[in-house]
Amino acid sequence: MSRSYDSIEGDIAKARDDLATTLDEIIDRVNPKNLATEGKERATAALRDPRVLAVLGGIAALVVGGITVSMANKRKERQRIEAYLAARRAL
């Protein structure tokens, strides 16, 4: 059974429309503005998750603690150096 010319032409037109729709969707998905908006929405949603907030809070506490310990160590080292220099001057 052969298909009619009109049937084949209709199938081609439908395939062309489907392809155009698919291309429009691809163009919309890879648009940098849309990608940025989607990324921003994902990041905002992730930052609202209590588990993520807990992890970020823990990391922040570690960083602040590390800076505090580092500053304390530097202060002690500076005091040791000043005491050493003062002892050397006293000689």
N, C-alpha and C. Protein backbone atom coordinates (compact mmCIF):
# COMPACT_ATOMS: atom_id res chain seq x y z
N MET A 1 0.83 -1.18 0.00
CA MET A 1 0.00 0.00 0.00
C MET A 1 0.87 1.24 0.00
N SER A 2 0.61 2.06 -0.92
CA SER A 2 1.36 3.30 -0.96
C SER A 2 0.53 4.40 -0.32
N ARG A 3 1.25 5.32 0.24
CA ARG A 3 0.57 6.45 0.90
C ARG A 3 0.30 7.54 -0.12
N SER A 4 -0.68 8.32 0.21
CA SER A 4 -1.03 9.40 -0.71
C SER A 4 -0.06 10.56 -0.54
N TYR A 5 -0.02 11.38 -1.54
CA TYR A 5 0.83 12.56 -1.53
C TYR A 5 0.46 13.48 -0.37
N ASP A 6 -0.81 13.66 -0.13
CA ASP A 6 -1.29 14.53 0.96
C ASP A 6 -0.88 13.97 2.33
N SER A 7 -0.92 12.66 2.49
CA SER A 7 -0.52 12.03 3.75
C SER A 7 0.96 12.25 4.02
N ILE A 8 1.77 12.06 3.00
CA ILE A 8 3.22 12.26 3.14
C ILE A 8 3.52 13.73 3.44
N GLU A 9 2.84 14.61 2.72
CA GLU A 9 3.05 16.05 2.93
C GLU A 9 2.64 16.46 4.35
N GLY A 10 1.56 15.88 4.85
CA GLY A 10 1.11 16.16 6.22
C GLY A 10 2.12 15.68 7.25
N ASP A 11 2.69 14.49 7.04
CA ASP A 11 3.71 13.97 7.95
C ASP A 11 4.95 14.85 7.96
N ILE A 12 5.34 15.33 6.78
CA ILE A 12 6.52 16.21 6.69
C ILE A 12 6.25 17.53 7.42
N ALA A 13 5.06 18.08 7.24
CA ALA A 13 4.70 19.34 7.91
C ALA A 13 4.70 19.15 9.43
N LYS A 14 4.15 18.03 9.90
CA LYS A 14 4.13 17.75 11.34
C LYS A 14 5.56 17.61 11.87
N ALA A 15 6.41 16.88 11.14
CA ALA A 15 7.81 16.70 11.56
C ALA A 15 8.52 18.05 11.59
N ARG A 16 8.24 18.91 10.62
CA ARG A 16 8.85 20.24 10.57
C ARG A 16 8.42 21.07 11.79
N ASP A 17 7.14 21.02 12.13
CA ASP A 17 6.64 21.75 13.29
C ASP A 17 7.25 21.21 14.59
N ASP A 18 7.35 19.88 14.69
CA ASP A 18 7.96 19.28 15.88
C ASP A 18 9.42 19.69 16.01
N LEU A 19 10.13 19.71 14.90
CA LEU A 19 11.53 20.12 14.92
C LEU A 19 11.67 21.58 15.33
N ALA A 20 10.80 22.43 14.80
CA ALA A 20 10.84 23.85 15.16
C ALA A 20 10.57 24.04 16.64
N THR A 21 9.61 23.30 17.18
CA THR A 21 9.31 23.38 18.61
C THR A 21 10.50 22.92 19.44
N THR A 22 11.12 21.82 19.04
CA THR A 22 12.28 21.30 19.75
C THR A 22 13.43 22.30 19.72
N LEU A 23 13.68 22.89 18.57
CA LEU A 23 14.76 23.89 18.46
C LEU A 23 14.47 25.10 19.34
N ASP A 24 13.22 25.55 19.38
CA ASP A 24 12.86 26.68 20.25
C ASP A 24 13.10 26.35 21.71
N GLU A 25 12.78 25.11 22.11
CA GLU A 25 13.01 24.70 23.49
C GLU A 25 14.50 24.65 23.81
N ILE A 26 15.30 24.15 22.87
CA ILE A 26 16.75 24.08 23.09
C ILE A 26 17.33 25.48 23.20
N ILE A 27 16.91 26.38 22.32
CA ILE A 27 17.39 27.76 22.36
C ILE A 27 17.02 28.40 23.68
N ASP A 28 15.81 28.14 24.16
CA ASP A 28 15.37 28.71 25.44
C ASP A 28 16.18 28.16 26.60
N ARG A 29 16.51 26.87 26.55
CA ARG A 29 17.27 26.25 27.64
C ARG A 29 18.70 26.75 27.72
N VAL A 30 19.33 27.01 26.59
CA VAL A 30 20.75 27.39 26.60
C VAL A 30 20.95 28.91 26.57
N ASN A 31 19.89 29.66 26.65
CA ASN A 31 19.99 31.11 26.72
C ASN A 31 20.72 31.48 28.02
N PRO A 32 21.81 32.24 27.95
CA PRO A 32 22.58 32.56 29.16
C PRO A 32 21.75 33.24 30.24
N LYS A 33 20.84 34.09 29.84
CA LYS A 33 20.00 34.77 30.83
C LYS A 33 19.14 33.76 31.58
N ASN A 34 18.57 32.81 30.84
CA ASN A 34 17.74 31.78 31.47
C ASN A 34 18.58 30.85 32.34
N LEU A 35 19.78 30.53 31.89
CA LEU A 35 20.67 29.68 32.69
C LEU A 35 21.05 30.38 33.99
N ALA A 36 21.32 31.68 33.93
CA ALA A 36 21.66 32.43 35.13
C ALA A 36 20.49 32.47 36.10
N THR A 37 19.31 32.69 35.58
CA THR A 37 18.12 32.72 36.42
C THR A 37 17.88 31.37 37.08
N GLU A 38 18.03 30.31 36.30
CA GLU A 38 17.85 28.97 36.84
C GLU A 38 18.89 28.66 37.91
N GLY A 39 20.14 29.04 37.66
CA GLY A 39 21.19 28.82 38.65
C GLY A 39 20.94 29.58 39.93
N LYS A 40 20.47 30.82 39.78
CA LYS A 40 20.15 31.63 40.96
C LYS A 40 19.03 30.99 41.77
N GLU A 41 18.01 30.50 41.08
CA GLU A 41 16.89 29.85 41.78
C GLU A 41 17.35 28.59 42.50
N ARG A 42 18.21 27.81 41.86
CA ARG A 42 18.71 26.59 42.51
C ARG A 42 19.56 26.91 43.72
N ALA A 43 20.42 27.93 43.60
CA ALA A 43 21.28 28.31 44.72
C ALA A 43 20.43 28.82 45.88
N THR A 44 19.44 29.64 45.58
CA THR A 44 18.56 30.16 46.63
C THR A 44 17.82 29.03 47.32
N ALA A 45 17.33 28.08 46.55
CA ALA A 45 16.62 26.94 47.14
C ALA A 45 17.56 26.11 48.00
N ALA A 46 18.79 25.93 47.55
CA ALA A 46 19.76 25.14 48.33
C ALA A 46 20.10 25.85 49.63
N LEU A 47 20.22 27.17 49.60
CA LEU A 47 20.57 27.90 50.81
C LEU A 47 19.44 27.95 51.82
N ARG A 48 18.24 27.62 51.41
CA ARG A 48 17.12 27.57 52.35
C ARG A 48 17.01 26.21 53.04
N ASP A 49 17.77 25.24 52.59
CA ASP A 49 17.74 23.90 53.18
C ASP A 49 18.46 23.95 54.53
N PRO A 50 17.80 23.51 55.60
CA PRO A 50 18.41 23.56 56.94
C PRO A 50 19.73 22.80 57.04
N ARG A 51 19.86 21.71 56.30
CA ARG A 51 21.11 20.94 56.35
C ARG A 51 22.26 21.75 55.76
N VAL A 52 21.99 22.44 54.66
CA VAL A 52 23.02 23.28 54.05
C VAL A 52 23.39 24.41 54.98
N LEU A 53 22.40 25.02 55.61
CA LEU A 53 22.66 26.11 56.56
C LEU A 53 23.51 25.62 57.73
N ALA A 54 23.24 24.40 58.21
CA ALA A 54 24.02 23.85 59.32
C ALA A 54 25.47 23.63 58.90
N VAL A 55 25.68 23.11 57.70
CA VAL A 55 27.04 22.88 57.20
C VAL A 55 27.77 24.20 57.03
N LEU A 56 27.10 25.19 56.44
CA LEU A 56 27.73 26.51 56.27
C LEU A 56 28.05 27.16 57.61
N GLY A 57 27.16 26.98 58.59
CA GLY A 57 27.42 27.50 59.93
C GLY A 57 28.64 26.83 60.56
N GLY A 58 28.75 25.53 60.37
CA GLY A 58 29.92 24.81 60.89
C GLY A 58 31.21 25.26 60.23
N ILE A 59 31.16 25.45 58.93
CA ILE A 59 32.35 25.92 58.21
C ILE A 59 32.74 27.31 58.69
N ALA A 60 31.73 28.18 58.85
CA ALA A 60 32.01 29.54 59.32
C ALA A 60 32.63 29.52 60.72
N ALA A 61 32.12 28.65 61.58
CA ALA A 61 32.68 28.54 62.93
C ALA A 61 34.13 28.05 62.89
N LEU A 62 34.42 27.09 62.01
CA LEU A 62 35.80 26.61 61.88
C LEU A 62 36.73 27.71 61.38
N VAL A 63 36.26 28.48 60.42
CA VAL A 63 37.09 29.56 59.87
C VAL A 63 37.36 30.61 60.95
N VAL A 64 36.31 31.02 61.65
CA VAL A 64 36.49 32.03 62.71
C VAL A 64 37.39 31.47 63.81
N GLY A 65 37.20 30.22 64.17
CA GLY A 65 38.06 29.61 65.19
C GLY A 65 39.50 29.54 64.73
N GLY A 66 39.72 29.17 63.49
CA GLY A 66 41.08 29.11 62.96
C GLY A 66 41.75 30.47 62.95
N ILE A 67 41.00 31.50 62.56
CA ILE A 67 41.56 32.85 62.57
C ILE A 67 41.90 33.29 63.98
N THR A 68 41.02 32.96 64.92
CA THR A 68 41.26 33.33 66.33
C THR A 68 42.50 32.64 66.87
N VAL A 69 42.65 31.35 66.61
CA VAL A 69 43.82 30.61 67.08
C VAL A 69 45.09 31.17 66.42
N SER A 70 45.01 31.46 65.14
CA SER A 70 46.16 32.01 64.44
C SER A 70 46.58 33.36 65.02
N MET A 71 45.60 34.20 65.29
CA MET A 71 45.91 35.52 65.87
C MET A 71 46.52 35.36 67.27
N ALA A 72 46.00 34.43 68.05
CA ALA A 72 46.53 34.21 69.39
C ALA A 72 47.97 33.70 69.30
N ASN A 73 48.24 32.78 68.39
CA ASN A 73 49.60 32.26 68.23
C ASN A 73 50.56 33.35 67.78
N LYS A 74 50.11 34.20 66.88
CA LYS A 74 50.97 35.30 66.41
C LYS A 74 51.28 36.26 67.55
N ARG A 75 50.24 36.54 68.37
CA ARG A 75 50.44 37.45 69.51
C ARG A 75 51.46 36.85 70.48
N LYS A 76 51.35 35.55 70.77
CA LYS A 76 52.30 34.89 71.67
C LYS A 76 53.70 34.92 71.09
N GLU A 77 53.81 34.65 69.79
CA GLU A 77 55.12 34.67 69.13
C GLU A 77 55.73 36.07 69.20
N ARG A 78 54.90 37.10 68.96
CA ARG A 78 55.39 38.47 69.03
C ARG A 78 55.88 38.79 70.45
N GLN A 79 55.16 38.32 71.46
CA GLN A 79 55.57 38.55 72.85
C GLN A 79 56.89 37.84 73.15
N ARG A 80 57.06 36.62 72.62
CA ARG A 80 58.31 35.90 72.83
C ARG A 80 59.48 36.63 72.17
N ILE A 81 59.25 37.13 70.96
CA ILE A 81 60.30 37.87 70.26
C ILE A 81 60.65 39.15 71.01
N GLU A 82 59.64 39.87 71.49
CA GLU A 82 59.89 41.11 72.23
C GLU A 82 60.64 40.82 73.53
N ALA A 83 60.28 39.72 74.22
CA ALA A 83 60.97 39.35 75.45
C ALA A 83 62.42 38.99 75.14
N TYR A 84 62.65 38.28 74.06
CA TYR A 84 64.00 37.91 73.65
C TYR A 84 64.83 39.15 73.35
N LEU A 85 64.25 40.07 72.59
CA LEU A 85 64.98 41.30 72.24
C LEU A 85 65.24 42.15 73.48
N ALA A 86 64.29 42.19 74.40
CA ALA A 86 64.50 42.95 75.63
C ALA A 86 65.62 42.33 76.47
N ALA A 87 65.68 41.00 76.50
CA ALA A 87 66.74 40.31 77.25
C ALA A 87 68.08 40.57 76.59
N ARG A 88 68.11 40.59 75.26
CA ARG A 88 69.36 40.87 74.54
C ARG A 88 69.84 42.29 74.80
N ARG A 89 68.93 43.24 74.87
CA ARG A 89 69.29 44.63 75.14
C ARG A 89 69.81 44.81 76.56
N ALA A 90 69.29 44.00 77.47
CA ALA A 90 69.68 44.10 78.87
C ALA A 90 71.12 43.61 79.07
N LEU A 91 71.60 42.81 78.17
CA LEU A 91 72.97 42.29 78.31
C LEU A 91 73.92 43.35 77.98
